[in-house]
Amino acid sequence: MTFLAQTRTTFQTSIRKVAPPTVRQVYALAAALCERMGEEFPETREAASETIERLRIENGHPEPRLEDLPRRPRLR
Protein backbone atom coordinates (compact mmCIF):
# COMPACT_ATOMS: atom_id res chain seq x y z
CA MET A 1 0.00 0.00 0.00
CA THR A 2 1.35 3.39 -0.93
CA PHE A 3 1.79 6.16 1.60
CA LEU A 4 -1.06 8.13 0.03
CA ALA A 5 -3.44 5.15 0.11
CA GLN A 6 -2.48 4.40 3.71
CA THR A 7 -2.99 8.06 4.70
CA ARG A 8 -6.40 8.13 2.97
CA THR A 9 -7.47 4.90 4.70
CA THR A 10 -6.29 6.18 8.11
CA PHE A 11 -8.08 9.51 7.55
CA GLN A 12 -11.34 7.81 6.51
CA THR A 13 -11.19 5.46 9.50
CA SER A 14 -10.55 8.39 11.84
CA ILE A 15 -13.53 10.32 10.47
CA ARG A 16 -15.84 7.34 10.94
CA LYS A 17 -14.79 7.08 14.58
CA VAL A 18 -15.67 10.70 15.40
CA ALA A 19 -18.56 11.30 13.01
CA PRO A 20 -22.08 11.45 14.48
CA PRO A 21 -24.32 8.42 13.98
CA THR A 22 -26.03 8.09 10.64
CA VAL A 23 -29.80 8.53 10.27
CA ARG A 24 -30.05 4.79 9.72
CA GLN A 25 -28.19 4.13 12.99
CA VAL A 26 -30.46 6.53 14.89
CA TYR A 27 -33.58 4.80 13.53
CA ALA A 28 -32.16 1.37 14.42
CA LEU A 29 -31.32 2.55 17.93
CA ALA A 30 -34.78 4.08 18.39
CA ALA A 31 -36.49 0.91 17.14
CA ALA A 32 -34.39 -1.27 19.46
CA LEU A 33 -35.17 0.96 22.44
CA CYS A 34 -38.89 0.97 21.62
CA GLU A 35 -38.84 -2.81 21.43
CA ARG A 36 -36.98 -3.09 24.74
CA MET A 37 -39.45 -0.76 26.45
CA GLY A 38 -42.54 -2.38 24.95
CA GLU A 39 -43.33 0.76 22.96
CA GLU A 40 -44.71 0.66 19.45
CA PHE A 41 -42.40 2.39 16.98
CA PRO A 42 -44.33 5.43 15.68
CA GLU A 43 -45.44 5.29 12.06
CA THR A 44 -45.99 9.02 11.50
CA ARG A 45 -44.31 12.26 12.51
CA GLU A 46 -47.33 13.16 14.59
CA ALA A 47 -47.22 9.83 16.43
CA ALA A 48 -43.48 10.25 16.94
CA SER A 49 -43.97 13.74 18.41
CA GLU A 50 -46.68 12.48 20.76
CA THR A 51 -44.53 9.55 21.89
CA ILE A 52 -41.50 11.79 22.43
CA GLU A 53 -43.54 14.29 24.44
CA ARG A 54 -45.11 11.55 26.59
CA LEU A 55 -41.74 9.95 27.29
CA ARG A 56 -40.14 13.32 28.11
CA ILE A 57 -42.89 14.04 30.64
CA GLU A 58 -42.64 10.54 32.13
CA ASN A 59 -38.88 10.99 32.49
CA GLY A 60 -39.30 14.40 34.14
CA HIS A 61 -37.36 16.23 31.44
CA PRO A 62 -36.84 19.83 32.61
CA GLU A 63 -36.73 21.49 29.17
CA PRO A 64 -39.78 23.19 27.64
CA ARG A 65 -41.79 21.43 24.99
CA LEU A 66 -40.73 22.07 21.42
CA GLU A 67 -43.95 23.89 20.59
CA ASP A 68 -43.24 26.27 23.50
CA LEU A 69 -39.94 27.38 21.97
CA PRO A 70 -39.58 30.01 19.25
CA ARG A 71 -38.93 28.53 15.82
CA ARG A 72 -35.40 28.79 14.56
CA PRO A 73 -34.91 30.12 11.05
CA ARG A 74 -34.22 27.43 8.47
CA LEU A 75 -30.77 27.36 6.95
CA ARG A 76 -30.62 27.53 3.20
PDB file of N, CA and C in Angstrom:
ATOM      1  N   MET A   1       0.850  -1.182   0.000  1.00  0.00           N
ATOM      2  CA  MET A   1       0.000   0.000   0.000  1.00  0.00           C
ATOM      3  C   MET A   1       0.888   1.235   0.000  1.00  0.00           C
ATOM      4  N   THR A   2       0.561   2.177  -0.846  1.00  0.00           N
ATOM      5  CA  THR A   2       1.354   3.394  -0.927  1.00  0.00           C
ATOM      6  C   THR A   2       1.073   4.280   0.280  1.00  0.00           C
ATOM      7  N   PHE A   3       1.962   5.228   0.490  1.00  0.00           N
ATOM      8  CA  PHE A   3       1.789   6.160   1.605  1.00  0.00           C
ATOM      9  C   PHE A   3       0.477   6.925   1.480  1.00  0.00           C
ATOM     10  N   LEU A   4       0.174   7.373   0.260  1.00  0.00           N
ATOM     11  CA  LEU A   4      -1.058   8.134   0.026  1.00  0.00           C
ATOM     12  C   LEU A   4      -2.297   7.282   0.316  1.00  0.00           C
ATOM     13  N   ALA A   5      -2.305   6.041  -0.149  1.00  0.00           N
ATOM     14  CA  ALA A   5      -3.440   5.150   0.110  1.00  0.00           C
ATOM     15  C   ALA A   5      -3.575   4.866   1.597  1.00  0.00           C
ATOM     16  N   GLN A   6      -2.444   4.669   2.272  1.00  0.00           N
ATOM     17  CA  GLN A   6      -2.479   4.398   3.709  1.00  0.00           C
ATOM     18  C   GLN A   6      -2.987   5.622   4.467  1.00  0.00           C
ATOM     19  N   THR A   7      -2.546   6.817   4.062  1.00  0.00           N
ATOM     20  CA  THR A   7      -2.993   8.059   4.700  1.00  0.00           C
ATOM     21  C   THR A   7      -4.494   8.242   4.498  1.00  0.00           C
ATOM     22  N   ARG A   8      -4.971   7.995   3.268  1.00  0.00           N
ATOM     23  CA  ARG A   8      -6.395   8.135   2.969  1.00  0.00           C
ATOM     24  C   ARG A   8      -7.208   7.158   3.824  1.00  0.00           C
ATOM     25  N   THR A   9      -6.763   5.916   3.913  1.00  0.00           N
ATOM     26  CA  THR A   9      -7.469   4.904   4.705  1.00  0.00           C
ATOM     27  C   THR A   9      -7.492   5.298   6.176  1.00  0.00           C
ATOM     28  N   THR A  10      -6.361   5.759   6.698  1.00  0.00           N
ATOM     29  CA  THR A  10      -6.289   6.176   8.105  1.00  0.00           C
ATOM     30  C   THR A  10      -7.217   7.354   8.347  1.00  0.00           C
ATOM     31  N   PHE A  11      -7.228   8.335   7.426  1.00  0.00           N
ATOM     32  CA  PHE A  11      -8.083   9.510   7.554  1.00  0.00           C
ATOM     33  C   PHE A  11      -9.558   9.115   7.538  1.00  0.00           C
ATOM     34  N   GLN A  12      -9.949   8.253   6.598  1.00  0.00           N
ATOM     35  CA  GLN A  12     -11.339   7.811   6.506  1.00  0.00           C
ATOM     36  C   GLN A  12     -11.753   7.048   7.759  1.00  0.00           C
ATOM     37  N   THR A  13     -10.888   6.207   8.280  1.00  0.00           N
ATOM     38  CA  THR A  13     -11.186   5.456   9.502  1.00  0.00           C
ATOM     39  C   THR A  13     -11.350   6.408  10.668  1.00  0.00           C
ATOM     40  N   SER A  14     -10.482   7.420  10.753  1.00  0.00           N
ATOM     41  CA  SER A  14     -10.551   8.394  11.844  1.00  0.00           C
ATOM     42  C   SER A  14     -11.857   9.172  11.797  1.00  0.00           C
ATOM     43  N   ILE A  15     -12.286   9.564  10.603  1.00  0.00           N
ATOM     44  CA  ILE A  15     -13.533  10.319  10.474  1.00  0.00           C
ATOM     45  C   ILE A  15     -14.710   9.466  10.929  1.00  0.00           C
ATOM     46  N   ARG A  16     -14.740   8.210  10.544  1.00  0.00           N
ATOM     47  CA  ARG A  16     -15.839   7.335  10.942  1.00  0.00           C
ATOM     48  C   ARG A  16     -15.924   7.202  12.453  1.00  0.00           C
ATOM     49  N   LYS A  17     -14.798   7.241  13.125  1.00  0.00           N
ATOM     50  CA  LYS A  17     -14.788   7.078  14.580  1.00  0.00           C
ATOM     51  C   LYS A  17     -15.349   8.302  15.295  1.00  0.00           C
ATOM     52  N   VAL A  18     -15.210   9.490  14.729  1.00  0.00           N
ATOM     53  CA  VAL A  18     -15.670  10.703  15.401  1.00  0.00           C
ATOM     54  C   VAL A  18     -16.927  11.298  14.787  1.00  0.00           C
ATOM     55  N   ALA A  19     -17.370  10.775  13.672  1.00  0.00           N
ATOM     56  CA  ALA A  19     -18.562  11.297  13.012  1.00  0.00           C
ATOM     57  C   ALA A  19     -19.807  10.940  13.824  1.00  0.00           C
ATOM     58  N   PRO A  20     -20.834  11.779  13.773  1.00  0.00           N
ATOM     59  CA  PRO A  20     -22.076  11.453  14.479  1.00  0.00           C
ATOM     60  C   PRO A  20     -22.731  10.228  13.833  1.00  0.00           C
ATOM     61  N   PRO A  21     -23.651   9.587  14.558  1.00  0.00           N
ATOM     62  CA  PRO A  21     -24.319   8.418  13.977  1.00  0.00           C
ATOM     63  C   PRO A  21     -25.106   8.806  12.728  1.00  0.00           C
ATOM     64  N   THR A  22     -25.258   7.855  11.848  1.00  0.00           N
ATOM     65  CA  THR A  22     -26.035   8.085  10.636  1.00  0.00           C
ATOM     66  C   THR A  22     -27.519   8.064  10.979  1.00  0.00           C
ATOM     67  N   VAL A  23     -28.346   8.570  10.078  1.00  0.00           N
ATOM     68  CA  VAL A  23     -29.799   8.533  10.268  1.00  0.00           C
ATOM     69  C   VAL A  23     -30.258   7.084  10.433  1.00  0.00           C
ATOM     70  N   ARG A  24     -29.693   6.210   9.635  1.00  0.00           N
ATOM     71  CA  ARG A  24     -30.047   4.790   9.716  1.00  0.00           C
ATOM     72  C   ARG A  24     -29.714   4.212  11.095  1.00  0.00           C
ATOM     73  N   GLN A  25     -28.566   4.592  11.658  1.00  0.00           N
ATOM     74  CA  GLN A  25     -28.188   4.126  12.988  1.00  0.00           C
ATOM     75  C   GLN A  25     -29.142   4.667  14.053  1.00  0.00           C
ATOM     76  N   VAL A  26     -29.535   5.927  13.917  1.00  0.00           N
ATOM     77  CA  VAL A  26     -30.457   6.526  14.892  1.00  0.00           C
ATOM     78  C   VAL A  26     -31.806   5.811  14.853  1.00  0.00           C
ATOM     79  N   TYR A  27     -32.312   5.533  13.657  1.00  0.00           N
ATOM     80  CA  TYR A  27     -33.578   4.799  13.533  1.00  0.00           C
ATOM     81  C   TYR A  27     -33.455   3.403  14.143  1.00  0.00           C
ATOM     82  N   ALA A  28     -32.352   2.716  13.876  1.00  0.00           N
ATOM     83  CA  ALA A  28     -32.157   1.371  14.422  1.00  0.00           C
ATOM     84  C   ALA A  28     -32.092   1.413  15.936  1.00  0.00           C
ATOM     85  N   LEU A  29     -31.406   2.400  16.483  1.00  0.00           N
ATOM     86  CA  LEU A  29     -31.321   2.554  17.933  1.00  0.00           C
ATOM     87  C   LEU A  29     -32.698   2.836  18.531  1.00  0.00           C
ATOM     88  N   ALA A  30     -33.440   3.744  17.907  1.00  0.00           N
ATOM     89  CA  ALA A  30     -34.781   4.077  18.394  1.00  0.00           C
ATOM     90  C   ALA A  30     -35.703   2.861  18.345  1.00  0.00           C
ATOM     91  N   ALA A  31     -35.647   2.101  17.260  1.00  0.00           N
ATOM     92  CA  ALA A  31     -36.485   0.907  17.140  1.00  0.00           C
ATOM     93  C   ALA A  31     -36.124  -0.124  18.198  1.00  0.00           C
ATOM     94  N   ALA A  32     -34.829  -0.304  18.436  1.00  0.00           N
ATOM     95  CA  ALA A  32     -34.386  -1.268  19.456  1.00  0.00           C
ATOM     96  C   ALA A  32     -34.830  -0.834  20.852  1.00  0.00           C
ATOM     97  N   LEU A  33     -34.730   0.464  21.135  1.00  0.00           N
ATOM     98  CA  LEU A  33     -35.168   0.963  22.441  1.00  0.00           C
ATOM     99  C   LEU A  33     -36.680   0.844  22.613  1.00  0.00           C
ATOM    100  N   CYS A  34     -37.439   1.138  21.554  1.00  0.00           N
ATOM    101  CA  CYS A  34     -38.892   0.968  21.615  1.00  0.00           C
ATOM    102  C   CYS A  34     -39.239  -0.483  21.911  1.00  0.00           C
ATOM    103  N   GLU A  35     -38.576  -1.392  21.223  1.00  0.00           N
ATOM    104  CA  GLU A  35     -38.838  -2.812  21.428  1.00  0.00           C
ATOM    105  C   GLU A  35     -38.511  -3.215  22.862  1.00  0.00           C
ATOM    106  N   ARG A  36     -37.387  -2.758  23.372  1.00  0.00           N
ATOM    107  CA  ARG A  36     -36.976  -3.089  24.738  1.00  0.00           C
ATOM    108  C   ARG A  36     -37.978  -2.578  25.771  1.00  0.00           C
ATOM    109  N   MET A  37     -38.532  -1.381  25.505  1.00  0.00           N
ATOM    110  CA  MET A  37     -39.452  -0.758  26.454  1.00  0.00           C
ATOM    111  C   MET A  37     -40.909  -1.150  26.224  1.00  0.00           C
ATOM    112  N   GLY A  38     -41.167  -1.986  25.225  1.00  0.00           N
ATOM    113  CA  GLY A  38     -42.537  -2.383  24.948  1.00  0.00           C
ATOM    114  C   GLY A  38     -43.349  -1.283  24.286  1.00  0.00           C
ATOM    115  N   GLU A  39     -42.667  -0.337  23.671  1.00  0.00           N
ATOM    116  CA  GLU A  39     -43.329   0.760  22.963  1.00  0.00           C
ATOM    117  C   GLU A  39     -43.477   0.388  21.499  1.00  0.00           C
ATOM    118  N   GLU A  40     -44.545   0.847  20.885  1.00  0.00           N
ATOM    119  CA  GLU A  40     -44.713   0.657  19.453  1.00  0.00           C
ATOM    120  C   GLU A  40     -43.941   1.756  18.735  1.00  0.00           C
ATOM    121  N   PHE A  41     -43.153   1.389  17.729  1.00  0.00           N
ATOM    122  CA  PHE A  41     -42.403   2.388  16.977  1.00  0.00           C
ATOM    123  C   PHE A  41     -43.402   3.239  16.197  1.00  0.00           C
ATOM    124  N   PRO A  42     -43.350   4.571  16.342  1.00  0.00           N
ATOM    125  CA  PRO A  42     -44.328   5.434  15.676  1.00  0.00           C
ATOM    126  C   PRO A  42     -44.228   5.355  14.155  1.00  0.00           C
ATOM    127  N   GLU A  43     -45.395   5.404  13.522  1.00  0.00           N
ATOM    128  CA  GLU A  43     -45.439   5.288  12.065  1.00  0.00           C
ATOM    129  C   GLU A  43     -45.557   6.632  11.357  1.00  0.00           C
ATOM    130  N   THR A  44     -45.868   7.690  12.099  1.00  0.00           N
ATOM    131  CA  THR A  44     -45.993   9.015  11.496  1.00  0.00           C
ATOM    132  C   THR A  44     -45.223  10.026  12.334  1.00  0.00           C
ATOM    133  N   ARG A  45     -44.988  11.197  11.756  1.00  0.00           N
ATOM    134  CA  ARG A  45     -44.309  12.258  12.506  1.00  0.00           C
ATOM    135  C   ARG A  45     -45.139  12.683  13.702  1.00  0.00           C
ATOM    136  N   GLU A  46     -46.454  12.756  13.495  1.00  0.00           N
ATOM    137  CA  GLU A  46     -47.332  13.162  14.591  1.00  0.00           C
ATOM    138  C   GLU A  46     -47.260  12.156  15.736  1.00  0.00           C
ATOM    139  N   ALA A  47     -47.319  10.870  15.403  1.00  0.00           N
ATOM    140  CA  ALA A  47     -47.222   9.830  16.432  1.00  0.00           C
ATOM    141  C   ALA A  47     -45.863   9.877  17.122  1.00  0.00           C
ATOM    142  N   ALA A  48     -44.816  10.155  16.355  1.00  0.00           N
ATOM    143  CA  ALA A  48     -43.475  10.249  16.945  1.00  0.00           C
ATOM    144  C   ALA A  48     -43.414  11.420  17.918  1.00  0.00           C
ATOM    145  N   SER A  49     -43.968  12.568  17.530  1.00  0.00           N
ATOM    146  CA  SER A  49     -43.967  13.740  18.413  1.00  0.00           C
ATOM    147  C   SER A  49     -44.736  13.464  19.695  1.00  0.00           C
ATOM    148  N   GLU A  50     -45.884  12.806  19.582  1.00  0.00           N
ATOM    149  CA  GLU A  50     -46.679  12.483  20.764  1.00  0.00           C
ATOM    150  C   GLU A  50     -45.931  11.518  21.683  1.00  0.00           C
ATOM    151  N   THR A  51     -45.278  10.525  21.095  1.00  0.00           N
ATOM    152  CA  THR A  51     -44.528   9.553  21.895  1.00  0.00           C
ATOM    153  C   THR A  51     -43.347  10.229  22.587  1.00  0.00           C
ATOM    154  N   ILE A  52     -42.635  11.070  21.850  1.00  0.00           N
ATOM    155  CA  ILE A  52     -41.496  11.785  22.433  1.00  0.00           C
ATOM    156  C   ILE A  52     -41.959  12.653  23.594  1.00  0.00           C
ATOM    157  N   GLU A  53     -43.032  13.405  23.387  1.00  0.00           N
ATOM    158  CA  GLU A  53     -43.540  14.290  24.442  1.00  0.00           C
ATOM    159  C   GLU A  53     -43.963  13.486  25.675  1.00  0.00           C
ATOM    160  N   ARG A  54     -44.669  12.380  25.456  1.00  0.00           N
ATOM    161  CA  ARG A  54     -45.107  11.549  26.587  1.00  0.00           C
ATOM    162  C   ARG A  54     -43.908  11.004  27.356  1.00  0.00           C
ATOM    163  N   LEU A  55     -42.922  10.509  26.634  1.00  0.00           N
ATOM    164  CA  LEU A  55     -41.738   9.946  27.291  1.00  0.00           C
ATOM    165  C   LEU A  55     -40.931  11.025  28.012  1.00  0.00           C
ATOM    166  N   ARG A  56     -40.852  12.214  27.435  1.00  0.00           N
ATOM    167  CA  ARG A  56     -40.145  13.319  28.105  1.00  0.00           C
ATOM    168  C   ARG A  56     -40.823  13.654  29.429  1.00  0.00           C
ATOM    169  N   ILE A  57     -42.153  13.724  29.413  1.00  0.00           N
ATOM    170  CA  ILE A  57     -42.894  14.038  30.637  1.00  0.00           C
ATOM    171  C   ILE A  57     -42.704  12.921  31.664  1.00  0.00           C
ATOM    172  N   GLU A  58     -42.818  11.678  31.223  1.00  0.00           N
ATOM    173  CA  GLU A  58     -42.639  10.537  32.131  1.00  0.00           C
ATOM    174  C   GLU A  58     -41.250  10.526  32.744  1.00  0.00           C
ATOM    175  N   ASN A  59     -40.256  10.966  31.994  1.00  0.00           N
ATOM    176  CA  ASN A  59     -38.883  10.989  32.491  1.00  0.00           C
ATOM    177  C   ASN A  59     -38.570  12.234  33.309  1.00  0.00           C
ATOM    178  N   GLY A  60     -39.520  13.171  33.376  1.00  0.00           N
ATOM    179  CA  GLY A  60     -39.304  14.395  34.144  1.00  0.00           C
ATOM    180  C   GLY A  60     -38.311  15.341  33.496  1.00  0.00           C
ATOM    181  N   HIS A  61     -38.297  15.376  32.178  1.00  0.00           N
ATOM    182  CA  HIS A  61     -37.363  16.228  31.443  1.00  0.00           C
ATOM    183  C   HIS A  61     -37.642  17.684  31.773  1.00  0.00           C
ATOM    184  N   PRO A  62     -36.618  18.455  32.159  1.00  0.00           N
ATOM    185  CA  PRO A  62     -36.843  19.834  32.606  1.00  0.00           C
ATOM    186  C   PRO A  62     -37.013  20.864  31.489  1.00  0.00           C
ATOM    187  N   GLU A  63     -36.672  20.520  30.257  1.00  0.00           N
ATOM    188  CA  GLU A  63     -36.728  21.489  29.169  1.00  0.00           C
ATOM    189  C   GLU A  63     -38.161  21.737  28.714  1.00  0.00           C
ATOM    190  N   PRO A  64     -38.428  22.914  28.159  1.00  0.00           N
ATOM    191  CA  PRO A  64     -39.776  23.195  27.644  1.00  0.00           C
ATOM    192  C   PRO A  64     -40.088  22.335  26.427  1.00  0.00           C
ATOM    193  N   ARG A  65     -41.365  22.181  26.169  1.00  0.00           N
ATOM    194  CA  ARG A  65     -41.793  21.426  24.990  1.00  0.00           C
ATOM    195  C   ARG A  65     -41.367  22.168  23.741  1.00  0.00           C
ATOM    196  N   LEU A  66     -41.177  21.446  22.660  1.00  0.00           N
ATOM    197  CA  LEU A  66     -40.726  22.070  21.422  1.00  0.00           C
ATOM    198  C   LEU A  66     -41.691  23.136  20.932  1.00  0.00           C
ATOM    199  N   GLU A  67     -42.993  22.891  21.084  1.00  0.00           N
ATOM    200  CA  GLU A  67     -43.946  23.893  20.589  1.00  0.00           C
ATOM    201  C   GLU A  67     -43.953  25.152  21.446  1.00  0.00           C
ATOM    202  N   ASP A  68     -43.327  25.091  22.636  1.00  0.00           N
ATOM    203  CA  ASP A  68     -43.238  26.267  23.497  1.00  0.00           C
ATOM    204  C   ASP A  68     -42.011  27.125  23.187  1.00  0.00           C
ATOM    205  N   LEU A  69     -41.146  26.644  22.328  1.00  0.00           N
ATOM    206  CA  LEU A  69     -39.935  27.379  21.972  1.00  0.00           C
ATOM    207  C   LEU A  69     -40.156  28.145  20.675  1.00  0.00           C
ATOM    208  N   PRO A  70     -39.483  29.295  20.532  1.00  0.00           N
ATOM    209  CA  PRO A  70     -39.585  30.013  19.251  1.00  0.00           C
ATOM    210  C   PRO A  70     -38.926  29.198  18.151  1.00  0.00           C
ATOM    211  N   ARG A  71     -39.502  29.264  16.958  1.00  0.00           N
ATOM    212  CA  ARG A  71     -38.933  28.529  15.824  1.00  0.00           C
ATOM    213  C   ARG A  71     -37.616  29.156  15.397  1.00  0.00           C
ATOM    214  N   ARG A  72     -36.672  28.308  15.081  1.00  0.00           N
ATOM    215  CA  ARG A  72     -35.398  28.787  14.563  1.00  0.00           C
ATOM    216  C   ARG A  72     -35.509  28.958  13.063  1.00  0.00           C
ATOM    217  N   PRO A  73     -34.846  29.959  12.511  1.00  0.00           N
ATOM    218  CA  PRO A  73     -34.906  30.123  11.049  1.00  0.00           C
ATOM    219  C   PRO A  73     -34.223  28.948  10.362  1.00  0.00           C
ATOM    220  N   ARG A  74     -34.791  28.533   9.242  1.00  0.00           N
ATOM    221  CA  ARG A  74     -34.216  27.432   8.470  1.00  0.00           C
ATOM    222  C   ARG A  74     -32.980  27.913   7.739  1.00  0.00           C
ATOM    223  N   LEU A  75     -31.972  27.065   7.699  1.00  0.00           N
ATOM    224  CA  LEU A  75     -30.769  27.363   6.950  1.00  0.00           C
ATOM    225  C   LEU A  75     -30.991  27.023   5.502  1.00  0.00           C
ATOM    226  N   ARG A  76     -30.460  27.798   4.633  1.00  0.00           N
ATOM    227  CA  ARG A  76     -30.624  27.531   3.197  1.00  0.00           C
ATOM    228  C   ARG A  76     -29.336  27.162   2.556  1.00  0.00           C
TER     229      ARG A  76
END
